[in-house]
PDB file of N, CA and C in Angstrom:
ATOM      1  N   MET A   1       8.597  -3.795  24.421  1.00  0.00           N
ATOM      2  CA  MET A   1       9.483  -2.689  24.121  1.00  0.00           C
ATOM      3  C   MET A   1      10.001  -2.862  22.701  1.00  0.00           C
ATOM      4  N   ASP A   2       9.874  -1.822  21.867  1.00  0.00           N
ATOM      5  CA  ASP A   2      10.288  -1.902  20.468  1.00  0.00           C
ATOM      6  C   ASP A   2      11.596  -1.188  20.191  1.00  0.00           C
ATOM      7  N   THR A   3      12.175  -0.568  21.184  1.00  0.00           N
ATOM      8  CA  THR A   3      13.416   0.171  20.991  1.00  0.00           C
ATOM      9  C   THR A   3      14.601  -0.784  21.035  1.00  0.00           C
ATOM     10  N   PRO A   4      15.442  -0.786  19.991  1.00  0.00           N
ATOM     11  CA  PRO A   4      16.619  -1.665  20.015  1.00  0.00           C
ATOM     12  C   PRO A   4      17.570  -1.294  21.153  1.00  0.00           C
ATOM     13  N   GLN A   5      18.106  -2.321  21.770  1.00  0.00           N
ATOM     14  CA  GLN A   5      19.064  -2.154  22.857  1.00  0.00           C
ATOM     15  C   GLN A   5      20.241  -3.086  22.609  1.00  0.00           C
ATOM     16  N   ASP A   6      21.362  -2.770  23.227  1.00  0.00           N
ATOM     17  CA  ASP A   6      22.550  -3.598  23.118  1.00  0.00           C
ATOM     18  C   ASP A   6      22.727  -4.392  24.396  1.00  0.00           C
ATOM     19  N   LEU A   7      22.955  -5.681  24.250  1.00  0.00           N
ATOM     20  CA  LEU A   7      23.341  -6.521  25.374  1.00  0.00           C
ATOM     21  C   LEU A   7      24.829  -6.800  25.205  1.00  0.00           C
ATOM     22  N   ILE A   8      25.605  -6.376  26.188  1.00  0.00           N
ATOM     23  CA  ILE A   8      27.049  -6.551  26.143  1.00  0.00           C
ATOM     24  C   ILE A   8      27.440  -7.563  27.213  1.00  0.00           C
ATOM     25  N   VAL A   9      28.119  -8.618  26.785  1.00  0.00           N
ATOM     26  CA  VAL A   9      28.554  -9.678  27.688  1.00  0.00           C
ATOM     27  C   VAL A   9      30.068  -9.594  27.800  1.00  0.00           C
ATOM     28  N   LYS A  10      30.563  -9.205  28.977  1.00  0.00           N
ATOM     29  CA  LYS A  10      32.000  -9.126  29.214  1.00  0.00           C
ATOM     30  C   LYS A  10      32.472 -10.463  29.760  1.00  0.00           C
ATOM     31  N   PHE A  11      33.575 -10.960  29.196  1.00  0.00           N
ATOM     32  CA  PHE A  11      34.056 -12.280  29.584  1.00  0.00           C
ATOM     33  C   PHE A  11      35.576 -12.333  29.591  1.00  0.00           C
ATOM     34  N   SER A  12      36.083 -13.395  30.189  1.00  0.00           N
ATOM     35  CA  SER A  12      37.508 -13.702  30.105  1.00  0.00           C
ATOM     36  C   SER A  12      37.635 -15.176  29.747  1.00  0.00           C
ATOM     37  N   PHE A  13      38.764 -15.535  29.169  1.00  0.00           N
ATOM     38  CA  PHE A  13      39.023 -16.918  28.786  1.00  0.00           C
ATOM     39  C   PHE A  13      40.518 -17.086  28.578  1.00  0.00           C
ATOM     40  N   ASN A  14      40.945 -18.325  28.483  1.00  0.00           N
ATOM     41  CA  ASN A  14      42.341 -18.621  28.208  1.00  0.00           C
ATOM     42  C   ASN A  14      42.578 -18.431  26.707  1.00  0.00           C
ATOM     43  N   PRO A  15      43.497 -17.554  26.312  1.00  0.00           N
ATOM     44  CA  PRO A  15      43.740 -17.321  24.881  1.00  0.00           C
ATOM     45  C   PRO A  15      44.099 -18.594  24.100  1.00  0.00           C
ATOM     46  N   ASP A  16      44.532 -19.639  24.794  1.00  0.00           N
ATOM     47  CA  ASP A  16      44.802 -20.913  24.117  1.00  0.00           C
ATOM     48  C   ASP A  16      43.516 -21.571  23.631  1.00  0.00           C
ATOM     49  N   ASP A  17      42.365 -21.119  24.142  1.00  0.00           N
ATOM     50  CA  ASP A  17      41.061 -21.665  23.766  1.00  0.00           C
ATOM     51  C   ASP A  17      40.394 -20.848  22.657  1.00  0.00           C
ATOM     52  N   PHE A  18      41.190 -20.194  21.833  1.00  0.00           N
ATOM     53  CA  PHE A  18      40.633 -19.312  20.802  1.00  0.00           C
ATOM     54  C   PHE A  18      39.718 -20.080  19.844  1.00  0.00           C
ATOM     55  N   GLU A  19      40.083 -21.310  19.507  1.00  0.00           N
ATOM     56  CA  GLU A  19      39.236 -22.104  18.608  1.00  0.00           C
ATOM     57  C   GLU A  19      37.883 -22.385  19.249  1.00  0.00           C
ATOM     58  N   LYS A  20      37.882 -22.648  20.555  1.00  0.00           N
ATOM     59  CA  LYS A  20      36.627 -22.848  21.282  1.00  0.00           C
ATOM     60  C   LYS A  20      35.779 -21.581  21.246  1.00  0.00           C
ATOM     61  N   LEU A  21      36.430 -20.422  21.342  1.00  0.00           N
ATOM     62  CA  LEU A  21      35.703 -19.156  21.299  1.00  0.00           C
ATOM     63  C   LEU A  21      35.020 -18.976  19.957  1.00  0.00           C
ATOM     64  N   ASP A  22      35.725 -19.286  18.872  1.00  0.00           N
ATOM     65  CA  ASP A  22      35.122 -19.168  17.546  1.00  0.00           C
ATOM     66  C   ASP A  22      33.953 -20.139  17.369  1.00  0.00           C
ATOM     67  N   ASP A  23      34.104 -21.361  17.875  1.00  0.00           N
ATOM     68  CA  ASP A  23      33.006 -22.330  17.804  1.00  0.00           C
ATOM     69  C   ASP A  23      31.809 -21.842  18.617  1.00  0.00           C
ATOM     70  N   PHE A  24      32.085 -21.312  19.802  1.00  0.00           N
ATOM     71  CA  PHE A  24      31.007 -20.805  20.646  1.00  0.00           C
ATOM     72  C   PHE A  24      30.304 -19.626  19.982  1.00  0.00           C
ATOM     73  N   GLU A  25      31.063 -18.767  19.334  1.00  0.00           N
ATOM     74  CA  GLU A  25      30.471 -17.620  18.644  1.00  0.00           C
ATOM     75  C   GLU A  25      29.442 -18.079  17.617  1.00  0.00           C
ATOM     76  N   GLU A  26      29.776 -19.099  16.841  1.00  0.00           N
ATOM     77  CA  GLU A  26      28.839 -19.624  15.846  1.00  0.00           C
ATOM     78  C   GLU A  26      27.588 -20.179  16.522  1.00  0.00           C
ATOM     79  N   HIS A  27      27.771 -20.886  17.615  1.00  0.00           N
ATOM     80  CA  HIS A  27      26.654 -21.459  18.369  1.00  0.00           C
ATOM     81  C   HIS A  27      25.743 -20.349  18.914  1.00  0.00           C
ATOM     82  N   LEU A  28      26.346 -19.313  19.462  1.00  0.00           N
ATOM     83  CA  LEU A  28      25.604 -18.177  20.005  1.00  0.00           C
ATOM     84  C   LEU A  28      24.807 -17.471  18.903  1.00  0.00           C
ATOM     85  N   GLU A  29      25.446 -17.234  17.781  1.00  0.00           N
ATOM     86  CA  GLU A  29      24.775 -16.558  16.671  1.00  0.00           C
ATOM     87  C   GLU A  29      23.606 -17.384  16.147  1.00  0.00           C
ATOM     88  N   ARG A  30      23.794 -18.691  16.005  1.00  0.00           N
ATOM     89  CA  ARG A  30      22.701 -19.552  15.535  1.00  0.00           C
ATOM     90  C   ARG A  30      21.517 -19.519  16.491  1.00  0.00           C
ATOM     91  N   ALA A  31      21.775 -19.560  17.793  1.00  0.00           N
ATOM     92  CA  ALA A  31      20.693 -19.556  18.779  1.00  0.00           C
ATOM     93  C   ALA A  31      19.894 -18.260  18.722  1.00  0.00           C
ATOM     94  N   VAL A  32      20.582 -17.145  18.640  1.00  0.00           N
ATOM     95  CA  VAL A  32      19.910 -15.846  18.600  1.00  0.00           C
ATOM     96  C   VAL A  32      19.083 -15.718  17.323  1.00  0.00           C
ATOM     97  N   THR A  33      19.658 -16.135  16.207  1.00  0.00           N
ATOM     98  CA  THR A  33      18.962 -16.058  14.923  1.00  0.00           C
ATOM     99  C   THR A  33      17.782 -17.022  14.884  1.00  0.00           C
ATOM    100  N   PHE A  34      17.981 -18.255  15.333  1.00  0.00           N
ATOM    101  CA  PHE A  34      16.931 -19.273  15.316  1.00  0.00           C
ATOM    102  C   PHE A  34      15.701 -18.810  16.093  1.00  0.00           C
ATOM    103  N   HIS A  35      15.917 -18.230  17.258  1.00  0.00           N
ATOM    104  CA  HIS A  35      14.805 -17.791  18.100  1.00  0.00           C
ATOM    105  C   HIS A  35      14.243 -16.424  17.683  1.00  0.00           C
ATOM    106  N   GLY A  36      14.898 -15.750  16.754  1.00  0.00           N
ATOM    107  CA  GLY A  36      14.402 -14.469  16.260  1.00  0.00           C
ATOM    108  C   GLY A  36      14.321 -13.399  17.326  1.00  0.00           C
ATOM    109  N   ILE A  37      15.284 -13.402  18.255  1.00  0.00           N
ATOM    110  CA  ILE A  37      15.217 -12.488  19.398  1.00  0.00           C
ATOM    111  C   ILE A  37      16.233 -11.367  19.331  1.00  0.00           C
ATOM    112  N   GLY A  38      16.919 -11.258  18.223  1.00  0.00           N
ATOM    113  CA  GLY A  38      17.901 -10.197  18.110  1.00  0.00           C
ATOM    114  C   GLY A  38      18.931 -10.503  17.054  1.00  0.00           C
ATOM    115  N   THR A  39      20.039  -9.803  17.155  1.00  0.00           N
ATOM    116  CA  THR A  39      21.128  -9.949  16.203  1.00  0.00           C
ATOM    117  C   THR A  39      22.435 -10.083  16.962  1.00  0.00           C
ATOM    118  N   TYR A  40      23.219 -11.065  16.582  1.00  0.00           N
ATOM    119  CA  TYR A  40      24.559 -11.195  17.139  1.00  0.00           C
ATOM    120  C   TYR A  40      25.467 -10.300  16.306  1.00  0.00           C
ATOM    121  N   GLU A  41      26.141  -9.360  16.950  1.00  0.00           N
ATOM    122  CA  GLU A  41      26.959  -8.377  16.240  1.00  0.00           C
ATOM    123  C   GLU A  41      28.444  -8.733  16.191  1.00  0.00           C
ATOM    124  N   GLY A  42      28.880  -9.685  17.030  1.00  0.00           N
ATOM    125  CA  GLY A  42      30.281 -10.081  17.039  1.00  0.00           C
ATOM    126  C   GLY A  42      30.909  -9.902  18.408  1.00  0.00           C
ATOM    127  N   TYR A  43      32.236 -10.027  18.446  1.00  0.00           N
ATOM    128  CA  TYR A  43      32.959  -9.840  19.697  1.00  0.00           C
ATOM    129  C   TYR A  43      34.251  -9.092  19.439  1.00  0.00           C
ATOM    130  N   GLU A  44      34.785  -8.532  20.502  1.00  0.00           N
ATOM    131  CA  GLU A  44      36.088  -7.867  20.464  1.00  0.00           C
ATOM    132  C   GLU A  44      36.899  -8.397  21.630  1.00  0.00           C
ATOM    133  N   LEU A  45      38.206  -8.528  21.404  1.00  0.00           N
ATOM    134  CA  LEU A  45      39.114  -8.962  22.454  1.00  0.00           C
ATOM    135  C   LEU A  45      40.032  -7.824  22.844  1.00  0.00           C
ATOM    136  N   ASP A  46      40.442  -7.818  24.096  1.00  0.00           N
ATOM    137  CA  ASP A  46      41.409  -6.857  24.605  1.00  0.00           C
ATOM    138  C   ASP A  46      42.726  -7.086  23.861  1.00  0.00           C
ATOM    139  N   ALA A  47      43.218  -6.071  23.219  1.00  0.00           N
ATOM    140  CA  ALA A  47      44.428  -6.194  22.408  1.00  0.00           C
ATOM    141  C   ALA A  47      45.663  -6.521  23.244  1.00  0.00           C
ATOM    142  N   GLU A  48      45.693  -6.092  24.494  1.00  0.00           N
ATOM    143  CA  GLU A  48      46.865  -6.328  25.339  1.00  0.00           C
ATOM    144  C   GLU A  48      46.999  -7.778  25.755  1.00  0.00           C
ATOM    145  N   THR A  49      45.942  -8.332  26.333  1.00  0.00           N
ATOM    146  CA  THR A  49      46.036  -9.686  26.877  1.00  0.00           C
ATOM    147  C   THR A  49      45.416 -10.730  25.962  1.00  0.00           C
ATOM    148  N   GLY A  50      44.401 -10.345  25.214  1.00  0.00           N
ATOM    149  CA  GLY A  50      43.685 -11.300  24.382  1.00  0.00           C
ATOM    150  C   GLY A  50      42.788 -12.219  25.185  1.00  0.00           C
ATOM    151  N   GLY A  51      42.845 -12.155  26.501  1.00  0.00           N
ATOM    152  CA  GLY A  51      42.068 -13.044  27.349  1.00  0.00           C
ATOM    153  C   GLY A  51      40.786 -12.445  27.878  1.00  0.00           C
ATOM    154  N   ASN A  52      40.531 -11.177  27.567  1.00  0.00           N
ATOM    155  CA  ASN A  52      39.294 -10.508  27.965  1.00  0.00           C
ATOM    156  C   ASN A  52      38.588 -10.040  26.704  1.00  0.00           C
ATOM    157  N   GLY A  53      37.262 -10.098  26.745  1.00  0.00           N
ATOM    158  CA  GLY A  53      36.525  -9.683  25.568  1.00  0.00           C
ATOM    159  C   GLY A  53      35.087  -9.333  25.887  1.00  0.00           C
ATOM    160  N   GLU A  54      34.376  -8.960  24.830  1.00  0.00           N
ATOM    161  CA  GLU A  54      32.966  -8.605  24.946  1.00  0.00           C
ATOM    162  C   GLU A  54      32.215  -9.138  23.737  1.00  0.00           C
ATOM    163  N   PHE A  55      31.083  -9.802  23.998  1.00  0.00           N
ATOM    164  CA  PHE A  55      30.144 -10.159  22.946  1.00  0.00           C
ATOM    165  C   PHE A  55      29.153  -9.012  22.820  1.00  0.00           C
ATOM    166  N   TYR A  56      28.751  -8.710  21.585  1.00  0.00           N
ATOM    167  CA  TYR A  56      27.779  -7.639  21.335  1.00  0.00           C
ATOM    168  C   TYR A  56      26.556  -8.229  20.650  1.00  0.00           C
ATOM    169  N   LEU A  57      25.402  -7.977  21.248  1.00  0.00           N
ATOM    170  CA  LEU A  57      24.142  -8.430  20.690  1.00  0.00           C
ATOM    171  C   LEU A  57      23.148  -7.272  20.719  1.00  0.00           C
ATOM    172  N   THR A  58      22.218  -7.279  19.790  1.00  0.00           N
ATOM    173  CA  THR A  58      21.182  -6.254  19.716  1.00  0.00           C
ATOM    174  C   THR A  58      19.825  -6.941  19.808  1.00  0.00           C
ATOM    175  N   THR A  59      18.909  -6.326  20.549  1.00  0.00           N
ATOM    176  CA  THR A  59      17.590  -6.920  20.743  1.00  0.00           C
ATOM    177  C   THR A  59      16.565  -5.838  21.077  1.00  0.00           C
ATOM    178  N   THR A  60      15.301  -6.209  20.970  1.00  0.00           N
ATOM    179  CA  THR A  60      14.232  -5.336  21.463  1.00  0.00           C
ATOM    180  C   THR A  60      13.635  -5.900  22.751  1.00  0.00           C
ATOM    181  N   ASP A  61      14.127  -7.073  23.176  1.00  0.00           N
ATOM    182  CA  ASP A  61      13.652  -7.696  24.410  1.00  0.00           C
ATOM    183  C   ASP A  61      14.848  -8.286  25.157  1.00  0.00           C
ATOM    184  N   GLY A  62      15.473  -7.463  25.981  1.00  0.00           N
ATOM    185  CA  GLY A  62      16.675  -7.874  26.698  1.00  0.00           C
ATOM    186  C   GLY A  62      16.453  -9.062  27.616  1.00  0.00           C
ATOM    187  N   ASP A  63      15.309  -9.116  28.275  1.00  0.00           N
ATOM    188  CA  ASP A  63      15.034 -10.218  29.193  1.00  0.00           C
ATOM    189  C   ASP A  63      14.937 -11.550  28.451  1.00  0.00           C
ATOM    190  N   LEU A  64      14.266 -11.552  27.314  1.00  0.00           N
ATOM    191  CA  LEU A  64      14.132 -12.775  26.531  1.00  0.00           C
ATOM    192  C   LEU A  64      15.484 -13.209  25.961  1.00  0.00           C
ATOM    193  N   LEU A  65      16.265 -12.258  25.491  1.00  0.00           N
ATOM    194  CA  LEU A  65      17.596 -12.594  24.978  1.00  0.00           C
ATOM    195  C   LEU A  65      18.450 -13.184  26.087  1.00  0.00           C
ATOM    196  N   TYR A  66      18.422 -12.568  27.259  1.00  0.00           N
ATOM    197  CA  TYR A  66      19.176 -13.077  28.401  1.00  0.00           C
ATOM    198  C   TYR A  66      18.763 -14.511  28.728  1.00  0.00           C
ATOM    199  N   LYS A  67      17.463 -14.765  28.801  1.00  0.00           N
ATOM    200  CA  LYS A  67      16.976 -16.108  29.130  1.00  0.00           C
ATOM    201  C   LYS A  67      17.398 -17.137  28.084  1.00  0.00           C
ATOM    202  N   THR A  68      17.548 -16.697  26.860  1.00  0.00           N
ATOM    203  CA  THR A  68      17.932 -17.609  25.780  1.00  0.00           C
ATOM    204  C   THR A  68      19.422 -17.922  25.793  1.00  0.00           C
ATOM    205  N   ILE A  69      20.258 -16.913  26.026  1.00  0.00           N
ATOM    206  CA  ILE A  69      21.706 -17.159  25.943  1.00  0.00           C
ATOM    207  C   ILE A  69      22.319 -17.593  27.265  1.00  0.00           C
ATOM    208  N   ARG A  70      21.627 -17.401  28.362  1.00  0.00           N
ATOM    209  CA  ARG A  70      22.171 -17.768  29.683  1.00  0.00           C
ATOM    210  C   ARG A  70      22.614 -19.231  29.737  1.00  0.00           C
ATOM    211  N   PRO A  71      21.768 -20.198  29.313  1.00  0.00           N
ATOM    212  CA  PRO A  71      22.218 -21.599  29.364  1.00  0.00           C
ATOM    213  C   PRO A  71      23.455 -21.854  28.495  1.00  0.00           C
ATOM    214  N   LEU A  72      23.555 -21.175  27.377  1.00  0.00           N
ATOM    215  CA  LEU A  72      24.725 -21.348  26.507  1.00  0.00           C
ATOM    216  C   LEU A  72      25.985 -20.864  27.207  1.00  0.00           C
ATOM    217  N   LEU A  73      25.875 -19.718  27.866  1.00  0.00           N
ATOM    218  CA  LEU A  73      27.026 -19.165  28.587  1.00  0.00           C
ATOM    219  C   LEU A  73      27.421 -20.046  29.766  1.00  0.00           C
ATOM    220  N   LEU A  74      26.438 -20.605  30.444  1.00  0.00           N
ATOM    221  CA  LEU A  74      26.728 -21.493  31.568  1.00  0.00           C
ATOM    222  C   LEU A  74      27.412 -22.781  31.113  1.00  0.00           C
ATOM    223  N   ASP A  75      27.044 -23.266  29.944  1.00  0.00           N
ATOM    224  CA  ASP A  75      27.624 -24.508  29.413  1.00  0.00           C
ATOM    225  C   ASP A  75      29.019 -24.311  28.821  1.00  0.00           C
ATOM    226  N   ALA A  76      29.379 -23.076  28.536  1.00  0.00           N
ATOM    227  CA  ALA A  76      30.697 -22.791  27.944  1.00  0.00           C
ATOM    228  C   ALA A  76      31.721 -22.703  29.072  1.00  0.00           C
ATOM    229  N   GLY A  77      32.208 -23.845  29.503  1.00  0.00           N
ATOM    230  CA  GLY A  77      33.100 -23.913  30.650  1.00  0.00           C
ATOM    231  C   GLY A  77      34.407 -23.160  30.489  1.00  0.00           C
ATOM    232  N   PHE A  78      34.811 -22.874  29.269  1.00  0.00           N
ATOM    233  CA  PHE A  78      36.063 -22.156  29.055  1.00  0.00           C
ATOM    234  C   PHE A  78      35.914 -20.641  29.213  1.00  0.00           C
ATOM    235  N   LEU A  79      34.669 -20.161  29.291  1.00  0.00           N
ATOM    236  CA  LEU A  79      34.394 -18.728  29.449  1.00  0.00           C
ATOM    237  C   LEU A  79      34.054 -18.402  30.895  1.00  0.00           C
ATOM    238  N   GLN A  80      34.534 -17.280  31.354  1.00  0.00           N
ATOM    239  CA  GLN A  80      34.123 -16.760  32.650  1.00  0.00           C
ATOM    240  C   GLN A  80      33.433 -15.424  32.387  1.00  0.00           C
ATOM    241  N   VAL A  81      32.112 -15.415  32.525  1.00  0.00           N
ATOM    242  CA  VAL A  81      31.350 -14.198  32.272  1.00  0.00           C
ATOM    243  C   VAL A  81      31.511 -13.273  33.464  1.00  0.00           C
ATOM    244  N   LYS A  82      31.917 -12.041  33.188  1.00  0.00           N
ATOM    245  CA  LYS A  82      32.136 -11.050  34.240  1.00  0.00           C
ATOM    246  C   LYS A  82      30.921 -10.162  34.443  1.00  0.00           C
ATOM    247  N   GLN A  83      30.250  -9.827  33.344  1.00  0.00           N
ATOM    248  CA  GLN A  83      29.122  -8.898  33.436  1.00  0.00           C
ATOM    249  C   GLN A  83      28.282  -9.006  32.176  1.00  0.00           C
ATOM    250  N   MET A  84      26.970  -8.831  32.340  1.00  0.00           N
ATOM    251  CA  MET A  84      26.049  -8.703  31.218  1.00  0.00           C
ATOM    252  C   MET A  84      25.217  -7.461  31.470  1.00  0.00           C
ATOM    253  N   ALA A  85      25.276  -6.533  30.543  1.00  0.00           N
ATOM    254  CA  ALA A  85      24.575  -5.267  30.740  1.00  0.00           C
ATOM    255  C   ALA A  85      23.779  -4.897  29.495  1.00  0.00           C
ATOM    256  N   LEU A  86      22.565  -4.450  29.720  1.00  0.00           N
ATOM    257  CA  LEU A  86      21.695  -3.963  28.663  1.00  0.00           C
ATOM    258  C   LEU A  86      21.828  -2.450  28.605  1.00  0.00           C
ATOM    259  N   GLN A  87      22.076  -1.927  27.402  1.00  0.00           N
ATOM    260  CA  GLN A  87      22.273  -0.487  27.231  1.00  0.00           C
ATOM    261  C   GLN A  87      21.413   0.020  26.088  1.00  0.00           C
ATOM    262  N   ALA A  88      20.990   1.269  26.191  1.00  0.00           N
ATOM    263  CA  ALA A  88      20.277   1.916  25.100  1.00  0.00           C
ATOM    264  C   ALA A  88      21.250   2.117  23.954  1.00  0.00           C
ATOM    265  N   GLN A  89      20.783   1.958  22.729  1.00  0.00           N
ATOM    266  CA  GLN A  89      21.663   2.158  21.583  1.00  0.00           C
ATOM    267  C   GLN A  89      22.003   3.627  21.387  1.00  0.00           C
ATOM    268  N   GLU A  90      21.049   4.467  21.656  1.00  0.00           N
ATOM    269  CA  GLU A  90      21.271   5.898  21.465  1.00  0.00           C
ATOM    270  C   GLU A  90      21.535   6.548  22.812  1.00  0.00           C
ATOM    271  N   GLY A  91      22.376   7.554  22.815  1.00  0.00           N
ATOM    272  CA  GLY A  91      22.597   8.276  24.057  1.00  0.00           C
ATOM    273  C   GLY A  91      23.929   7.960  24.689  1.00  0.00           C
ATOM    274  N   SER A  92      23.944   7.965  25.993  1.00  0.00           N
ATOM    275  CA  SER A  92      25.185   7.907  26.753  1.00  0.00           C
ATOM    276  C   SER A  92      25.804   6.525  26.844  1.00  0.00           C
ATOM    277  N   GLY A  93      25.058   5.484  26.535  1.00  0.00           N
ATOM    278  CA  GLY A  93      25.572   4.143  26.712  1.00  0.00           C
ATOM    279  C   GLY A  93      25.506   3.684  28.157  1.00  0.00           C
ATOM    280  N   ALA A  94      24.772   4.438  28.984  1.00  0.00           N
ATOM    281  CA  ALA A  94      24.639   4.071  30.394  1.00  0.00           C
ATOM    282  C   ALA A  94      23.881   2.752  30.514  1.00  0.00           C
ATOM    283  N   CYS A  95      24.246   1.983  31.501  1.00  0.00           N
ATOM    284  CA  CYS A  95      23.634   0.675  31.749  1.00  0.00           C
ATOM    285  C   CYS A  95      22.179   0.875  32.175  1.00  0.00           C
ATOM    286  N   GLN A  96      21.280   0.175  31.491  1.00  0.00           N
ATOM    287  CA  GLN A  96      19.867   0.202  31.865  1.00  0.00           C
ATOM    288  C   GLN A  96      19.515  -0.947  32.793  1.00  0.00           C
ATOM    289  N   LYS A  97      20.224  -2.058  32.627  1.00  0.00           N
ATOM    290  CA  LYS A  97      19.932  -3.230  33.446  1.00  0.00           C
ATOM    291  C   LYS A  97      21.139  -4.167  33.396  1.00  0.00           C
ATOM    292  N   GLU A  98      21.430  -4.767  34.540  1.00  0.00           N
ATOM    293  CA  GLU A  98      22.494  -5.777  34.593  1.00  0.00           C
ATOM    294  C   GLU A  98      21.872  -7.128  34.875  1.00  0.00           C
ATOM    295  N   TYR A  99      22.468  -8.155  34.269  1.00  0.00           N
ATOM    296  CA  TYR A  99      22.021  -9.517  34.475  1.00  0.00           C
ATOM    297  C   TYR A  99      23.140 -10.311  35.139  1.00  0.00           C
ATOM    298  N   GLN A 100      22.747 -11.269  35.950  1.00  0.00           N
ATOM    299  CA  GLN A 100      23.709 -12.150  36.613  1.00  0.00           C
ATOM    300  C   GLN A 100      23.649 -13.523  35.955  1.00  0.00           C
ATOM    301  N   LEU A 101      24.790 -14.137  35.830  1.00  0.00           N
ATOM    302  CA  LEU A 101      24.838 -15.473  35.253  1.00  0.00           C
ATOM    303  C   LEU A 101      24.615 -16.456  36.302  1.00  0.00           C
TER     304      LEU A 101
END
């Protein structure tokens, strides 16, 4: 599949672990870039609590990206992944596929 898609990873964490989140972000970006499977676009946190957020990644192969980042997410004990969803970049943003951690 050559059409770019967005993989959105919804997570929660303890806001006291913000430094760990920044370190993990760098690790995640390096892994995605090293394997050439997409682009790490960044993350956003819920402004109210700061303890919920979403990582944004872009890829043309959602399954391969999932297989690559899954071990990283499992090893990040301070993160609780709530949902991973692959969405088309263009259009309604409807979920095309959900992944389980």
